[in-house]
Amino acid sequence: TVRRRARRLRAALAALGPTAVKVGQNLANRPDLVRADYMDELMQLQDRVPPFDSAEAMAIIERDLGCAVGELFEALSAEPVAAASIAQVY
């Protein structure tokens, strides 16, 4: 069905990463390009983006800042508090 295809498109964009999520977010606001049922599904990319792996996030922090997370921060949650298309909050 159309709804199922729309869900699969949203899931595929989320799996492809931040750039694809941004494309989906933009399409969600373009009724001149996308049908309403697809727009409804793509709008979920604006406020319901799944977080990426916390171990990967910690490795990026350590690589970019050159120290272990425990040396950099007094406290840091193990799981993100929020996730967005290009970042997540710990």
PDB file of N, CA and C in Angstrom:
ATOM      1  N   THR A   1       0.835  -1.188   0.000  1.00  0.00           N
ATOM      2  CA  THR A   1       0.000   0.000   0.000  1.00  0.00           C
ATOM      3  C   THR A   1       0.882   1.254   0.000  1.00  0.00           C
ATOM      4  N   VAL A   2       0.247   2.375  -0.242  1.00  0.00           N
ATOM      5  CA  VAL A   2       0.978   3.642  -0.265  1.00  0.00           C
ATOM      6  C   VAL A   2       1.552   3.950   1.107  1.00  0.00           C
ATOM      7  N   ARG A   3       0.769   3.726   2.163  1.00  0.00           N
ATOM      8  CA  ARG A   3       1.236   4.008   3.529  1.00  0.00           C
ATOM      9  C   ARG A   3       2.478   3.188   3.858  1.00  0.00           C
ATOM     10  N   ARG A   4       2.487   1.927   3.449  1.00  0.00           N
ATOM     11  CA  ARG A   4       3.637   1.056   3.717  1.00  0.00           C
ATOM     12  C   ARG A   4       4.876   1.546   2.951  1.00  0.00           C
ATOM     13  N   ARG A   5       4.688   1.965   1.718  1.00  0.00           N
ATOM     14  CA  ARG A   5       5.822   2.494   0.939  1.00  0.00           C
ATOM     15  C   ARG A   5       6.353   3.783   1.564  1.00  0.00           C
ATOM     16  N   ALA A   6       5.465   4.608   2.051  1.00  0.00           N
ATOM     17  CA  ALA A   6       5.880   5.848   2.711  1.00  0.00           C
ATOM     18  C   ALA A   6       6.687   5.538   3.971  1.00  0.00           C
ATOM     19  N   ARG A   7       6.246   4.543   4.747  1.00  0.00           N
ATOM     20  CA  ARG A   7       6.990   4.149   5.958  1.00  0.00           C
ATOM     21  C   ARG A   7       8.363   3.608   5.584  1.00  0.00           C
ATOM     22  N   ARG A   8       8.424   2.808   4.517  1.00  0.00           N
ATOM     23  CA  ARG A   8       9.715   2.256   4.090  1.00  0.00           C
ATOM     24  C   ARG A   8      10.657   3.360   3.618  1.00  0.00           C
ATOM     25  N   LEU A   9      10.114   4.371   2.932  1.00  0.00           N
ATOM     26  CA  LEU A   9      10.941   5.498   2.503  1.00  0.00           C
ATOM     27  C   LEU A   9      11.499   6.235   3.715  1.00  0.00           C
ATOM     28  N   ARG A  10      10.647   6.513   4.711  1.00  0.00           N
ATOM     29  CA  ARG A  10      11.115   7.196   5.923  1.00  0.00           C
ATOM     30  C   ARG A  10      12.203   6.392   6.625  1.00  0.00           C
ATOM     31  N   ALA A  11      11.990   5.094   6.756  1.00  0.00           N
ATOM     32  CA  ALA A  11      12.975   4.232   7.417  1.00  0.00           C
ATOM     33  C   ALA A  11      14.286   4.202   6.639  1.00  0.00           C
ATOM     34  N   ALA A  12      14.203   4.158   5.326  1.00  0.00           N
ATOM     35  CA  ALA A  12      15.413   4.137   4.501  1.00  0.00           C
ATOM     36  C   ALA A  12      16.189   5.444   4.646  1.00  0.00           C
ATOM     37  N   LEU A  13      15.495   6.557   4.633  1.00  0.00           N
ATOM     38  CA  LEU A  13      16.169   7.846   4.797  1.00  0.00           C
ATOM     39  C   LEU A  13      16.834   7.940   6.163  1.00  0.00           C
ATOM     40  N   ALA A  14      16.152   7.480   7.200  1.00  0.00           N
ATOM     41  CA  ALA A  14      16.731   7.500   8.551  1.00  0.00           C
ATOM     42  C   ALA A  14      17.970   6.622   8.614  1.00  0.00           C
ATOM     43  N   ALA A  15      17.932   5.468   7.954  1.00  0.00           N
ATOM     44  CA  ALA A  15      19.075   4.545   7.974  1.00  0.00           C
ATOM     45  C   ALA A  15      20.263   5.085   7.180  1.00  0.00           C
ATOM     46  N   LEU A  16      19.998   5.897   6.185  1.00  0.00           N
ATOM     47  CA  LEU A  16      21.081   6.433   5.348  1.00  0.00           C
ATOM     48  C   LEU A  16      21.873   7.543   6.025  1.00  0.00           C
ATOM     49  N   GLY A  17      21.328   8.134   7.073  1.00  0.00           N
ATOM     50  CA  GLY A  17      22.098   9.104   7.836  1.00  0.00           C
ATOM     51  C   GLY A  17      21.612  10.534   7.715  1.00  0.00           C
ATOM     52  N   PRO A  18      22.377  11.455   8.297  1.00  0.00           N
ATOM     53  CA  PRO A  18      21.945  12.849   8.441  1.00  0.00           C
ATOM     54  C   PRO A  18      21.586  13.564   7.142  1.00  0.00           C
ATOM     55  N   THR A  19      22.347  13.357   6.095  1.00  0.00           N
ATOM     56  CA  THR A  19      22.049  14.056   4.842  1.00  0.00           C
ATOM     57  C   THR A  19      20.722  13.587   4.273  1.00  0.00           C
ATOM     58  N   ALA A  20      20.484  12.284   4.278  1.00  0.00           N
ATOM     59  CA  ALA A  20      19.230  11.745   3.767  1.00  0.00           C
ATOM     60  C   ALA A  20      18.056  12.178   4.646  1.00  0.00           C
ATOM     61  N   VAL A  21      18.261  12.254   5.958  1.00  0.00           N
ATOM     62  CA  VAL A  21      17.207  12.727   6.859  1.00  0.00           C
ATOM     63  C   VAL A  21      16.855  14.168   6.511  1.00  0.00           C
ATOM     64  N   LYS A  22      17.848  14.994   6.245  1.00  0.00           N
ATOM     65  CA  LYS A  22      17.599  16.385   5.862  1.00  0.00           C
ATOM     66  C   LYS A  22      16.788  16.460   4.576  1.00  0.00           C
ATOM     67  N   VAL A  23      17.090  15.607   3.620  1.00  0.00           N
ATOM     68  CA  VAL A  23      16.313  15.561   2.375  1.00  0.00           C
ATOM     69  C   VAL A  23      14.856  15.226   2.700  1.00  0.00           C
ATOM     70  N   GLY A  24      14.644  14.206   3.527  1.00  0.00           N
ATOM     71  CA  GLY A  24      13.289  13.834   3.919  1.00  0.00           C
ATOM     72  C   GLY A  24      12.566  14.954   4.645  1.00  0.00           C
ATOM     73  N   GLN A  25      13.279  15.660   5.525  1.00  0.00           N
ATOM     74  CA  GLN A  25      12.674  16.774   6.254  1.00  0.00           C
ATOM     75  C   GLN A  25      12.223  17.864   5.284  1.00  0.00           C
ATOM     76  N   ASN A  26      13.045  18.133   4.308  1.00  0.00           N
ATOM     77  CA  ASN A  26      12.685  19.159   3.322  1.00  0.00           C
ATOM     78  C   ASN A  26      11.512  18.713   2.463  1.00  0.00           C
ATOM     79  N   LEU A  27      11.496  17.455   2.051  1.00  0.00           N
ATOM     80  CA  LEU A  27      10.385  16.951   1.251  1.00  0.00           C
ATOM     81  C   LEU A  27       9.071  16.974   2.027  1.00  0.00           C
ATOM     82  N   ALA A  28       9.150  16.806   3.346  1.00  0.00           N
ATOM     83  CA  ALA A  28       7.947  16.827   4.184  1.00  0.00           C
ATOM     84  C   ALA A  28       7.245  18.174   4.141  1.00  0.00           C
ATOM     85  N   ASN A  29       7.950  19.192   3.704  1.00  0.00           N
ATOM     86  CA  ASN A  29       7.394  20.546   3.642  1.00  0.00           C
ATOM     87  C   ASN A  29       7.147  21.014   2.215  1.00  0.00           C
ATOM     88  N   ARG A  30       7.092  20.072   1.286  1.00  0.00           N
ATOM     89  CA  ARG A  30       6.928  20.445  -0.123  1.00  0.00           C
ATOM     90  C   ARG A  30       5.706  19.765  -0.752  1.00  0.00           C
ATOM     91  N   PRO A  31       4.510  20.288  -0.479  1.00  0.00           N
ATOM     92  CA  PRO A  31       3.311  19.675  -1.053  1.00  0.00           C
ATOM     93  C   PRO A  31       3.274  19.753  -2.576  1.00  0.00           C
ATOM     94  N   ASP A  32       4.094  20.615  -3.150  1.00  0.00           N
ATOM     95  CA  ASP A  32       4.166  20.695  -4.611  1.00  0.00           C
ATOM     96  C   ASP A  32       4.971  19.543  -5.208  1.00  0.00           C
ATOM     97  N   LEU A  33       5.726  18.810  -4.358  1.00  0.00           N
ATOM     98  CA  LEU A  33       6.553  17.704  -4.836  1.00  0.00           C
ATOM     99  C   LEU A  33       6.129  16.341  -4.306  1.00  0.00           C
ATOM    100  N   VAL A  34       5.503  16.311  -3.116  1.00  0.00           N
ATOM    101  CA  VAL A  34       5.246  15.048  -2.425  1.00  0.00           C
ATOM    102  C   VAL A  34       3.767  14.956  -2.050  1.00  0.00           C
ATOM    103  N   ARG A  35       3.193  13.776  -2.233  1.00  0.00           N
ATOM    104  CA  ARG A  35       1.794  13.546  -1.856  1.00  0.00           C
ATOM    105  C   ARG A  35       1.617  13.694  -0.345  1.00  0.00           C
ATOM    106  N   ALA A  36       0.403  13.977   0.065  1.00  0.00           N
ATOM    107  CA  ALA A  36       0.099  14.218   1.483  1.00  0.00           C
ATOM    108  C   ALA A  36       0.428  13.013   2.355  1.00  0.00           C
ATOM    109  N   ASP A  37       0.157  11.791   1.894  1.00  0.00           N
ATOM    110  CA  ASP A  37       0.434  10.626   2.736  1.00  0.00           C
ATOM    111  C   ASP A  37       1.934  10.415   2.933  1.00  0.00           C
ATOM    112  N   TYR A  38       2.742  10.738   1.944  1.00  0.00           N
ATOM    113  CA  TYR A  38       4.192  10.674   2.108  1.00  0.00           C
ATOM    114  C   TYR A  38       4.668  11.810   3.017  1.00  0.00           C
ATOM    115  N   MET A  39       4.080  12.988   2.841  1.00  0.00           N
ATOM    116  CA  MET A  39       4.461  14.117   3.701  1.00  0.00           C
ATOM    117  C   MET A  39       4.202  13.794   5.165  1.00  0.00           C
ATOM    118  N   ASP A  40       3.062  13.185   5.460  1.00  0.00           N
ATOM    119  CA  ASP A  40       2.740  12.824   6.848  1.00  0.00           C
ATOM    120  C   ASP A  40       3.810  11.916   7.440  1.00  0.00           C
ATOM    121  N   GLU A  41       4.246  10.951   6.676  1.00  0.00           N
ATOM    122  CA  GLU A  41       5.263  10.012   7.167  1.00  0.00           C
ATOM    123  C   GLU A  41       6.620  10.696   7.290  1.00  0.00           C
ATOM    124  N   LEU A  42       6.993  11.503   6.309  1.00  0.00           N
ATOM    125  CA  LEU A  42       8.292  12.173   6.342  1.00  0.00           C
ATOM    126  C   LEU A  42       8.372  13.223   7.448  1.00  0.00           C
ATOM    127  N   MET A  43       7.237  13.749   7.867  1.00  0.00           N
ATOM    128  CA  MET A  43       7.247  14.726   8.962  1.00  0.00           C
ATOM    129  C   MET A  43       7.778  14.110  10.252  1.00  0.00           C
ATOM    130  N   GLN A  44       7.714  12.801  10.378  1.00  0.00           N
ATOM    131  CA  GLN A  44       8.266  12.139  11.565  1.00  0.00           C
ATOM    132  C   GLN A  44       9.779  12.322  11.645  1.00  0.00           C
ATOM    133  N   LEU A  45      10.415  12.576  10.511  1.00  0.00           N
ATOM    134  CA  LEU A  45      11.860  12.818  10.522  1.00  0.00           C
ATOM    135  C   LEU A  45      12.198  14.171  11.149  1.00  0.00           C
ATOM    136  N   GLN A  46      11.204  15.002  11.353  1.00  0.00           N
ATOM    137  CA  GLN A  46      11.451  16.312  11.946  1.00  0.00           C
ATOM    138  C   GLN A  46      11.494  16.259  13.462  1.00  0.00           C
ATOM    139  N   ASP A  47      10.829  15.281  14.061  1.00  0.00           N
ATOM    140  CA  ASP A  47      10.834  15.246  15.528  1.00  0.00           C
ATOM    141  C   ASP A  47      10.955  13.846  16.118  1.00  0.00           C
ATOM    142  N   ARG A  48      11.201  12.850  15.289  1.00  0.00           N
ATOM    143  CA  ARG A  48      11.336  11.483  15.804  1.00  0.00           C
ATOM    144  C   ARG A  48      12.482  10.748  15.122  1.00  0.00           C
ATOM    145  N   VAL A  49      13.649  11.347  15.121  1.00  0.00           N
ATOM    146  CA  VAL A  49      14.817  10.719  14.501  1.00  0.00           C
ATOM    147  C   VAL A  49      15.447   9.762  15.516  1.00  0.00           C
ATOM    148  N   PRO A  50      15.679   8.518  15.122  1.00  0.00           N
ATOM    149  CA  PRO A  50      16.294   7.586  16.068  1.00  0.00           C
ATOM    150  C   PRO A  50      17.762   7.946  16.321  1.00  0.00           C
ATOM    151  N   PRO A  51      18.258   7.782  17.547  1.00  0.00           N
ATOM    152  CA  PRO A  51      19.662   8.089  17.833  1.00  0.00           C
ATOM    153  C   PRO A  51      20.594   7.060  17.196  1.00  0.00           C
ATOM    154  N   PHE A  52      21.828   7.480  16.929  1.00  0.00           N
ATOM    155  CA  PHE A  52      22.810   6.503  16.466  1.00  0.00           C
ATOM    156  C   PHE A  52      23.544   5.936  17.672  1.00  0.00           C
ATOM    157  N   ASP A  53      24.353   4.936  17.466  1.00  0.00           N
ATOM    158  CA  ASP A  53      25.000   4.168  18.526  1.00  0.00           C
ATOM    159  C   ASP A  53      25.821   5.058  19.457  1.00  0.00           C
ATOM    160  N   SER A  54      25.596   4.928  20.756  1.00  0.00           N
ATOM    161  CA  SER A  54      26.314   5.732  21.751  1.00  0.00           C
ATOM    162  C   SER A  54      27.808   5.438  21.758  1.00  0.00           C
ATOM    163  N   ALA A  55      28.190   4.193  21.538  1.00  0.00           N
ATOM    164  CA  ALA A  55      29.621   3.852  21.493  1.00  0.00           C
ATOM    165  C   ALA A  55      30.307   4.606  20.354  1.00  0.00           C
ATOM    166  N   GLU A  56      29.619   4.728  19.239  1.00  0.00           N
ATOM    167  CA  GLU A  56      30.169   5.481  18.111  1.00  0.00           C
ATOM    168  C   GLU A  56      30.297   6.961  18.461  1.00  0.00           C
ATOM    169  N   ALA A  57      29.284   7.497  19.140  1.00  0.00           N
ATOM    170  CA  ALA A  57      29.322   8.900  19.551  1.00  0.00           C
ATOM    171  C   ALA A  57      30.485   9.159  20.504  1.00  0.00           C
ATOM    172  N   MET A  58      30.681   8.276  21.474  1.00  0.00           N
ATOM    173  CA  MET A  58      31.778   8.439  22.431  1.00  0.00           C
ATOM    174  C   MET A  58      33.134   8.349  21.720  1.00  0.00           C
ATOM    175  N   ALA A  59      33.257   7.456  20.758  1.00  0.00           N
ATOM    176  CA  ALA A  59      34.503   7.332  19.993  1.00  0.00           C
ATOM    177  C   ALA A  59      34.775   8.611  19.205  1.00  0.00           C
ATOM    178  N   ILE A  60      33.738   9.211  18.643  1.00  0.00           N
ATOM    179  CA  ILE A  60      33.912  10.468  17.898  1.00  0.00           C
ATOM    180  C   ILE A  60      34.362  11.577  18.841  1.00  0.00           C
ATOM    181  N   ILE A  61      33.725  11.671  20.010  1.00  0.00           N
ATOM    182  CA  ILE A  61      34.112  12.697  20.989  1.00  0.00           C
ATOM    183  C   ILE A  61      35.577  12.523  21.375  1.00  0.00           C
ATOM    184  N   GLU A  62      35.963  11.305  21.705  1.00  0.00           N
ATOM    185  CA  GLU A  62      37.349  11.045  22.127  1.00  0.00           C
ATOM    186  C   GLU A  62      38.337  11.319  21.002  1.00  0.00           C
ATOM    187  N   ARG A  63      37.996  10.918  19.793  1.00  0.00           N
ATOM    188  CA  ARG A  63      38.891  11.155  18.654  1.00  0.00           C
ATOM    189  C   ARG A  63      39.055  12.648  18.396  1.00  0.00           C
ATOM    190  N   ASP A  64      37.949  13.367  18.362  1.00  0.00           N
ATOM    191  CA  ASP A  64      37.998  14.785  18.027  1.00  0.00           C
ATOM    192  C   ASP A  64      38.613  15.653  19.121  1.00  0.00           C
ATOM    193  N   LEU A  65      38.414  15.259  20.385  1.00  0.00           N
ATOM    194  CA  LEU A  65      38.928  16.069  21.491  1.00  0.00           C
ATOM    195  C   LEU A  65      40.242  15.540  22.064  1.00  0.00           C
ATOM    196  N   GLY A  66      40.640  14.339  21.647  1.00  0.00           N
ATOM    197  CA  GLY A  66      41.948  13.812  22.021  1.00  0.00           C
ATOM    198  C   GLY A  66      42.080  13.292  23.438  1.00  0.00           C
ATOM    199  N   CYS A  67      40.983  13.049  24.126  1.00  0.00           N
ATOM    200  CA  CYS A  67      41.014  12.526  25.490  1.00  0.00           C
ATOM    201  C   CYS A  67      39.853  11.558  25.689  1.00  0.00           C
ATOM    202  N   ALA A  68      39.976  10.747  26.731  1.00  0.00           N
ATOM    203  CA  ALA A  68      38.882   9.854  27.089  1.00  0.00           C
ATOM    204  C   ALA A  68      37.702  10.672  27.610  1.00  0.00           C
ATOM    205  N   VAL A  69      36.499  10.215  27.353  1.00  0.00           N
ATOM    206  CA  VAL A  69      35.292  10.920  27.780  1.00  0.00           C
ATOM    207  C   VAL A  69      35.318  11.169  29.284  1.00  0.00           C
ATOM    208  N   GLY A  70      35.773  10.200  30.078  1.00  0.00           N
ATOM    209  CA  GLY A  70      35.837  10.353  31.528  1.00  0.00           C
ATOM    210  C   GLY A  70      36.771  11.458  31.981  1.00  0.00           C
ATOM    211  N   GLU A  71      37.785  11.761  31.178  1.00  0.00           N
ATOM    212  CA  GLU A  71      38.703  12.860  31.508  1.00  0.00           C
ATOM    213  C   GLU A  71      38.140  14.215  31.090  1.00  0.00           C
ATOM    214  N   LEU A  72      37.242  14.204  30.138  1.00  0.00           N
ATOM    215  CA  LEU A  72      36.701  15.453  29.605  1.00  0.00           C
ATOM    216  C   LEU A  72      35.496  15.967  30.381  1.00  0.00           C
ATOM    217  N   PHE A  73      34.668  15.037  30.855  1.00  0.00           N
ATOM    218  CA  PHE A  73      33.410  15.414  31.484  1.00  0.00           C
ATOM    219  C   PHE A  73      33.282  14.783  32.861  1.00  0.00           C
ATOM    220  N   GLU A  74      32.768  15.543  33.794  1.00  0.00           N
ATOM    221  CA  GLU A  74      32.516  15.017  35.133  1.00  0.00           C
ATOM    222  C   GLU A  74      31.416  13.960  35.095  1.00  0.00           C
ATOM    223  N   ALA A  75      30.392  14.226  34.282  1.00  0.00           N
ATOM    224  CA  ALA A  75      29.290  13.266  34.115  1.00  0.00           C
ATOM    225  C   ALA A  75      28.772  13.362  32.688  1.00  0.00           C
ATOM    226  N   LEU A  76      28.456  12.215  32.127  1.00  0.00           N
ATOM    227  CA  LEU A  76      27.900  12.153  30.775  1.00  0.00           C
ATOM    228  C   LEU A  76      26.999  10.926  30.712  1.00  0.00           C
ATOM    229  N   SER A  77      25.743  11.122  30.339  1.00  0.00           N
ATOM    230  CA  SER A  77      24.812   9.995  30.293  1.00  0.00           C
ATOM    231  C   SER A  77      25.259   8.969  29.264  1.00  0.00           C
ATOM    232  N   ALA A  78      24.960   7.715  29.527  1.00  0.00           N
ATOM    233  CA  ALA A  78      25.346   6.643  28.614  1.00  0.00           C
ATOM    234  C   ALA A  78      24.488   6.637  27.355  1.00  0.00           C
ATOM    235  N   GLU A  79      23.269   7.123  27.461  1.00  0.00           N
ATOM    236  CA  GLU A  79      22.349   7.163  26.325  1.00  0.00           C
ATOM    237  C   GLU A  79      21.963   8.613  26.044  1.00  0.00           C
ATOM    238  N   PRO A  80      21.683   8.948  24.786  1.00  0.00           N
ATOM    239  CA  PRO A  80      21.323  10.332  24.468  1.00  0.00           C
ATOM    240  C   PRO A  80      19.981  10.726  25.074  1.00  0.00           C
ATOM    241  N   VAL A  81      19.900  11.980  25.458  1.00  0.00           N
ATOM    242  CA  VAL A  81      18.673  12.537  25.990  1.00  0.00           C
ATOM    243  C   VAL A  81      17.738  12.882  24.824  1.00  0.00           C
ATOM    244  N   ALA A  82      18.338  13.304  23.708  1.00  0.00           N
ATOM    245  CA  ALA A  82      17.569  13.675  22.513  1.00  0.00           C
ATOM    246  C   ALA A  82      18.431  13.429  21.286  1.00  0.00           C
ATOM    247  N   ALA A  83      17.774  13.208  20.166  1.00  0.00           N
ATOM    248  CA  ALA A  83      18.476  12.996  18.896  1.00  0.00           C
ATOM    249  C   ALA A  83      17.815  13.855  17.821  1.00  0.00           C
ATOM    250  N   ALA A  84      18.644  14.346  16.924  1.00  0.00           N
ATOM    251  CA  ALA A  84      18.157  15.129  15.786  1.00  0.00           C
ATOM    252  C   ALA A  84      18.890  14.653  14.539  1.00  0.00           C
ATOM    253  N   SER A  85      18.621  15.293  13.429  1.00  0.00           N
ATOM    254  CA  SER A  85      19.186  14.809  12.171  1.00  0.00           C
ATOM    255  C   SER A  85      20.700  14.947  12.102  1.00  0.00           C
ATOM    256  N   ILE A  86      21.268  15.948  12.764  1.00  0.00           N
ATOM    257  CA  ILE A  86      22.716  16.137  12.654  1.00  0.00           C
ATOM    258  C   ILE A  86      23.455  16.073  14.005  1.00  0.00           C
ATOM    259  N   ALA A  87      22.751  15.794  15.070  1.00  0.00           N
ATOM    260  CA  ALA A  87      23.403  15.738  16.379  1.00  0.00           C
ATOM    261  C   ALA A  87      22.515  15.005  17.365  1.00  0.00           C
ATOM    262  N   GLN A  88      23.112  14.659  18.498  1.00  0.00           N
ATOM    263  CA  GLN A  88      22.318  14.152  19.612  1.00  0.00           C
ATOM    264  C   GLN A  88      22.907  14.700  20.898  1.00  0.00           C
ATOM    265  N   VAL A  89      22.060  14.795  21.912  1.00  0.00           N
ATOM    266  CA  VAL A  89      22.419  15.426  23.180  1.00  0.00           C
ATOM    267  C   VAL A  89      22.608  14.351  24.250  1.00  0.00           C
ATOM    268  N   TYR A  90      23.733  14.464  24.987  1.00  0.00           N
ATOM    269  CA  TYR A  90      24.015  13.550  26.083  1.00  0.00           C
ATOM    270  C   TYR A  90      23.994  14.300  27.397  1.00  0.00           C
TER     271      TYR A  90
END
